[in-house]
């Protein structure tokens, strides 16, 4: 199960996030999303856990828990929507 973790401190690292969630089960992967231009954290990330029961427990236990001075928002991650636009085209002039 993939979990979305929001409201991260800009100082929270992937290893900090992994450590916090490993208390609730085996963490397969961790990603803190960063701005592609500045490299600075965008304040959210994702945790993947193979065991759904452990993931649900982690989600329940970690939601609204404080980490690095911020209360986390933890939910099941939703599939990414492709909203890049393109392809639709508008009325061109002839």
N, C-alpha and C. Protein backbone atom coordinates (compact mmCIF):
# COMPACT_ATOMS: atom_id res chain seq x y z
N UNK A 1 0.86 -1.17 0.00
CA UNK A 1 0.00 0.00 0.00
C UNK A 1 0.90 1.23 0.00
N UNK A 2 0.49 2.21 -0.76
CA UNK A 2 1.25 3.46 -0.84
C UNK A 2 0.52 4.52 -0.03
N UNK A 3 1.26 5.20 0.83
CA UNK A 3 0.71 6.24 1.69
C UNK A 3 1.23 7.61 1.27
N UNK A 4 0.34 8.58 1.30
CA UNK A 4 0.70 9.98 1.08
C UNK A 4 0.96 10.59 2.46
N UNK A 5 2.04 11.32 2.60
CA UNK A 5 2.37 12.00 3.86
C UNK A 5 2.53 13.48 3.55
N UNK A 6 1.60 14.29 4.05
CA UNK A 6 1.62 15.72 3.79
C UNK A 6 1.95 16.53 5.03
N UNK A 7 2.18 17.80 4.82
CA UNK A 7 2.52 18.77 5.86
C UNK A 7 3.88 18.47 6.49
N UNK A 8 4.80 17.97 5.67
CA UNK A 8 6.16 17.70 6.16
C UNK A 8 6.91 19.01 6.35
N UNK A 9 7.76 19.02 7.35
CA UNK A 9 8.69 20.13 7.51
C UNK A 9 9.65 20.09 6.32
N UNK A 10 10.11 21.24 5.88
CA UNK A 10 11.07 21.28 4.79
C UNK A 10 12.41 20.65 5.21
N UNK A 11 12.60 20.45 6.51
CA UNK A 11 13.83 19.85 7.03
C UNK A 11 13.74 18.34 7.17
N UNK A 12 12.56 17.74 7.00
CA UNK A 12 12.41 16.30 7.16
C UNK A 12 13.04 15.57 5.98
N UNK A 13 13.94 14.64 6.30
CA UNK A 13 14.62 13.88 5.26
C UNK A 13 13.91 12.54 5.04
N UNK A 14 14.30 11.85 3.98
CA UNK A 14 13.73 10.53 3.71
C UNK A 14 14.06 9.57 4.84
N UNK A 15 15.27 9.67 5.41
CA UNK A 15 15.63 8.76 6.50
C UNK A 15 14.83 9.07 7.76
N UNK A 16 14.52 10.35 8.01
CA UNK A 16 13.67 10.72 9.15
C UNK A 16 12.28 10.11 8.99
N UNK A 17 11.75 10.22 7.78
CA UNK A 17 10.41 9.70 7.50
C UNK A 17 10.39 8.18 7.61
N UNK A 18 11.41 7.53 7.07
CA UNK A 18 11.51 6.07 7.16
C UNK A 18 11.53 5.62 8.62
N UNK A 19 12.35 6.27 9.42
CA UNK A 19 12.46 5.91 10.84
C UNK A 19 11.13 6.03 11.56
N UNK A 20 10.40 7.10 11.28
CA UNK A 20 9.11 7.32 11.94
C UNK A 20 8.11 6.22 11.58
N UNK A 21 8.11 5.78 10.32
CA UNK A 21 7.13 4.79 9.87
C UNK A 21 7.57 3.36 10.15
N UNK A 22 8.86 3.10 10.27
CA UNK A 22 9.33 1.74 10.54
C UNK A 22 8.90 1.24 11.91
N UNK A 23 8.51 2.13 12.79
CA UNK A 23 8.00 1.71 14.10
C UNK A 23 6.67 0.95 13.95
N UNK A 24 6.05 1.05 12.77
CA UNK A 24 4.74 0.44 12.54
C UNK A 24 4.79 -0.72 11.56
N UNK A 25 5.95 -1.03 11.01
CA UNK A 25 6.08 -2.14 10.08
C UNK A 25 7.23 -1.93 9.11
N UNK A 26 7.31 -2.85 8.16
CA UNK A 26 8.39 -2.81 7.18
C UNK A 26 8.09 -1.78 6.10
N UNK A 27 9.01 -0.86 5.91
CA UNK A 27 8.87 0.18 4.89
C UNK A 27 9.69 -0.25 3.68
N UNK A 28 9.02 -0.32 2.52
CA UNK A 28 9.69 -0.73 1.29
C UNK A 28 10.39 0.43 0.59
N UNK A 29 9.73 1.58 0.57
CA UNK A 29 10.36 2.74 -0.06
C UNK A 29 9.82 4.03 0.55
N UNK A 30 10.64 5.06 0.44
CA UNK A 30 10.31 6.39 0.95
C UNK A 30 10.73 7.40 -0.09
N UNK A 31 9.89 8.37 -0.33
CA UNK A 31 10.25 9.45 -1.25
C UNK A 31 9.70 10.77 -0.71
N UNK A 32 10.59 11.73 -0.47
CA UNK A 32 10.17 13.09 -0.14
C UNK A 32 10.26 13.85 -1.46
N UNK A 33 9.16 14.43 -1.88
CA UNK A 33 9.11 15.11 -3.17
C UNK A 33 9.76 16.48 -3.05
N UNK A 34 10.65 16.76 -4.00
CA UNK A 34 11.35 18.05 -3.99
C UNK A 34 11.10 18.80 -5.29
N UNK A 35 11.24 20.10 -5.21
CA UNK A 35 11.08 20.97 -6.37
C UNK A 35 12.20 20.69 -7.36
N UNK A 36 11.85 20.50 -8.61
CA UNK A 36 12.89 20.13 -9.58
C UNK A 36 13.85 21.27 -9.90
N UNK A 37 13.47 22.50 -9.61
CA UNK A 37 14.35 23.62 -9.90
C UNK A 37 15.24 24.00 -8.72
N UNK A 38 14.66 23.99 -7.50
CA UNK A 38 15.42 24.43 -6.33
C UNK A 38 15.97 23.26 -5.52
N UNK A 39 15.39 22.08 -5.68
CA UNK A 39 15.81 20.93 -4.90
C UNK A 39 15.24 20.93 -3.48
N UNK A 40 14.49 21.95 -3.14
CA UNK A 40 13.90 22.07 -1.80
C UNK A 40 12.66 21.18 -1.70
N UNK A 41 12.44 20.61 -0.53
CA UNK A 41 11.26 19.77 -0.29
C UNK A 41 9.99 20.55 -0.61
N UNK A 42 9.01 19.85 -1.16
CA UNK A 42 7.72 20.48 -1.44
C UNK A 42 6.74 20.25 -0.29
N UNK A 43 7.21 19.59 0.80
CA UNK A 43 6.38 19.44 1.98
C UNK A 43 5.49 18.21 2.00
N UNK A 44 5.76 17.28 1.07
CA UNK A 44 5.01 16.02 1.10
C UNK A 44 5.86 14.90 0.55
N UNK A 45 5.40 13.68 0.81
CA UNK A 45 6.16 12.52 0.35
C UNK A 45 5.28 11.28 0.32
N UNK A 46 5.91 10.15 0.03
CA UNK A 46 5.19 8.89 -0.09
C UNK A 46 5.96 7.78 0.62
N UNK A 47 5.21 6.88 1.23
CA UNK A 47 5.76 5.71 1.90
C UNK A 47 5.10 4.50 1.25
N UNK A 48 5.87 3.46 0.94
CA UNK A 48 5.29 2.22 0.44
C UNK A 48 5.57 1.10 1.44
N UNK A 49 4.50 0.37 1.75
CA UNK A 49 4.60 -0.78 2.66
C UNK A 49 3.86 -1.94 2.00
N UNK A 50 4.50 -3.12 1.92
CA UNK A 50 3.87 -4.28 1.28
C UNK A 50 2.72 -4.85 2.09
N UNK A 51 2.82 -4.81 3.41
CA UNK A 51 1.80 -5.38 4.27
C UNK A 51 0.70 -4.33 4.50
N UNK A 52 -0.49 -4.59 3.94
CA UNK A 52 -1.59 -3.62 4.04
C UNK A 52 -2.01 -3.36 5.48
N UNK A 53 -1.98 -4.40 6.32
CA UNK A 53 -2.38 -4.22 7.72
C UNK A 53 -1.40 -3.28 8.43
N UNK A 54 -0.11 -3.46 8.18
CA UNK A 54 0.90 -2.58 8.77
C UNK A 54 0.73 -1.16 8.23
N UNK A 55 0.44 -1.04 6.95
CA UNK A 55 0.26 0.29 6.34
C UNK A 55 -0.95 1.00 6.94
N UNK A 56 -2.04 0.27 7.13
CA UNK A 56 -3.24 0.87 7.72
C UNK A 56 -2.97 1.29 9.17
N UNK A 57 -2.22 0.46 9.90
CA UNK A 57 -1.87 0.81 11.27
C UNK A 57 -0.98 2.06 11.29
N UNK A 58 0.00 2.10 10.39
CA UNK A 58 0.89 3.27 10.30
C UNK A 58 0.09 4.52 9.96
N UNK A 59 -0.85 4.38 9.02
CA UNK A 59 -1.67 5.53 8.62
C UNK A 59 -2.47 6.04 9.82
N UNK A 60 -3.06 5.13 10.57
CA UNK A 60 -3.86 5.50 11.73
C UNK A 60 -2.99 6.14 12.82
N UNK A 61 -1.85 5.55 13.09
CA UNK A 61 -0.98 6.02 14.17
C UNK A 61 -0.24 7.32 13.83
N UNK A 62 0.12 7.48 12.57
CA UNK A 62 0.95 8.63 12.18
C UNK A 62 0.15 9.86 11.77
N UNK A 63 -1.12 9.68 11.40
CA UNK A 63 -1.93 10.83 11.01
C UNK A 63 -2.08 11.78 12.19
N UNK A 64 -1.76 13.04 11.97
CA UNK A 64 -1.80 14.11 12.96
C UNK A 64 -0.72 13.97 14.05
N UNK A 65 0.21 13.05 13.86
CA UNK A 65 1.35 12.95 14.79
C UNK A 65 2.38 14.00 14.39
N UNK A 66 3.04 14.57 15.37
CA UNK A 66 4.02 15.62 15.10
C UNK A 66 5.37 15.01 14.73
N UNK A 67 5.95 15.55 13.67
CA UNK A 67 7.29 15.16 13.23
C UNK A 67 8.01 16.44 12.80
N UNK A 68 9.13 16.70 13.39
CA UNK A 68 9.91 17.93 13.11
C UNK A 68 9.07 19.19 13.25
N UNK A 69 8.19 19.19 14.27
CA UNK A 69 7.41 20.39 14.57
C UNK A 69 6.17 20.57 13.72
N UNK A 70 5.81 19.60 12.89
CA UNK A 70 4.62 19.71 12.03
C UNK A 70 3.71 18.51 12.25
N UNK A 71 2.38 18.72 12.25
CA UNK A 71 1.43 17.62 12.35
C UNK A 71 1.23 17.02 10.97
N UNK A 72 1.52 15.74 10.85
CA UNK A 72 1.44 15.07 9.55
C UNK A 72 0.00 14.81 9.13
N UNK A 73 -0.22 14.80 7.83
CA UNK A 73 -1.46 14.34 7.23
C UNK A 73 -1.12 13.07 6.48
N UNK A 74 -1.67 11.95 6.91
CA UNK A 74 -1.34 10.66 6.30
C UNK A 74 -2.62 10.02 5.76
N UNK A 75 -2.60 9.69 4.48
CA UNK A 75 -3.74 9.06 3.81
C UNK A 75 -3.23 8.02 2.83
N UNK A 76 -4.14 7.17 2.38
CA UNK A 76 -3.78 6.26 1.30
C UNK A 76 -3.57 7.11 0.05
N UNK A 77 -2.48 6.86 -0.64
CA UNK A 77 -2.17 7.64 -1.85
C UNK A 77 -3.16 7.31 -2.95
N UNK A 78 -3.55 8.34 -3.68
CA UNK A 78 -4.43 8.15 -4.82
C UNK A 78 -3.58 8.08 -6.07
N UNK A 79 -4.09 7.39 -7.09
CA UNK A 79 -3.33 7.34 -8.36
C UNK A 79 -3.12 8.75 -8.90
N UNK A 80 -1.98 8.97 -9.48
CA UNK A 80 -1.65 10.28 -10.03
C UNK A 80 -2.51 10.56 -11.26
N UNK A 81 -3.05 11.77 -11.30
CA UNK A 81 -3.84 12.17 -12.45
C UNK A 81 -2.93 12.85 -13.46
N UNK A 82 -3.13 12.51 -14.71
CA UNK A 82 -2.34 13.14 -15.77
C UNK A 82 -3.04 14.43 -16.18
N UNK A 83 -2.57 15.56 -15.67
CA UNK A 83 -3.21 16.83 -15.97
C UNK A 83 -2.26 17.77 -16.70
N UNK A 84 -1.47 17.21 -17.57
CA UNK A 84 -0.49 18.02 -18.30
C UNK A 84 -1.12 18.83 -19.43
N UNK A 85 -2.42 18.66 -19.63
CA UNK A 85 -3.07 19.40 -20.70
C UNK A 85 -2.79 18.72 -22.02
N UNK A 86 -2.38 19.44 -22.99
CA UNK A 86 -1.99 18.89 -24.28
C UNK A 86 -3.04 18.01 -24.92
N UNK A 87 -2.95 17.79 -26.17
CA UNK A 87 -3.80 16.85 -26.87
C UNK A 87 -5.22 17.32 -27.10
N UNK A 88 -5.76 18.13 -26.22
CA UNK A 88 -7.16 18.54 -26.34
C UNK A 88 -7.38 19.53 -27.47
N UNK A 89 -6.46 20.38 -27.65
CA UNK A 89 -6.55 21.37 -28.73
C UNK A 89 -7.74 22.31 -28.58
N UNK A 90 -7.57 23.46 -29.03
CA UNK A 90 -8.66 24.44 -29.02
C UNK A 90 -8.98 24.80 -30.44
N UNK A 91 -9.96 25.64 -30.58
CA UNK A 91 -10.37 26.04 -31.93
C UNK A 91 -9.31 26.91 -32.58
N UNK A 92 -8.65 26.39 -33.55
CA UNK A 92 -7.66 27.18 -34.26
C UNK A 92 -8.32 28.02 -35.34
N UNK A 93 -7.70 29.08 -35.74
CA UNK A 93 -8.27 29.94 -36.79
C UNK A 93 -7.76 29.48 -38.14
N UNK A 94 -8.62 29.58 -39.10
CA UNK A 94 -8.24 29.17 -40.44
C UNK A 94 -8.17 30.35 -41.36
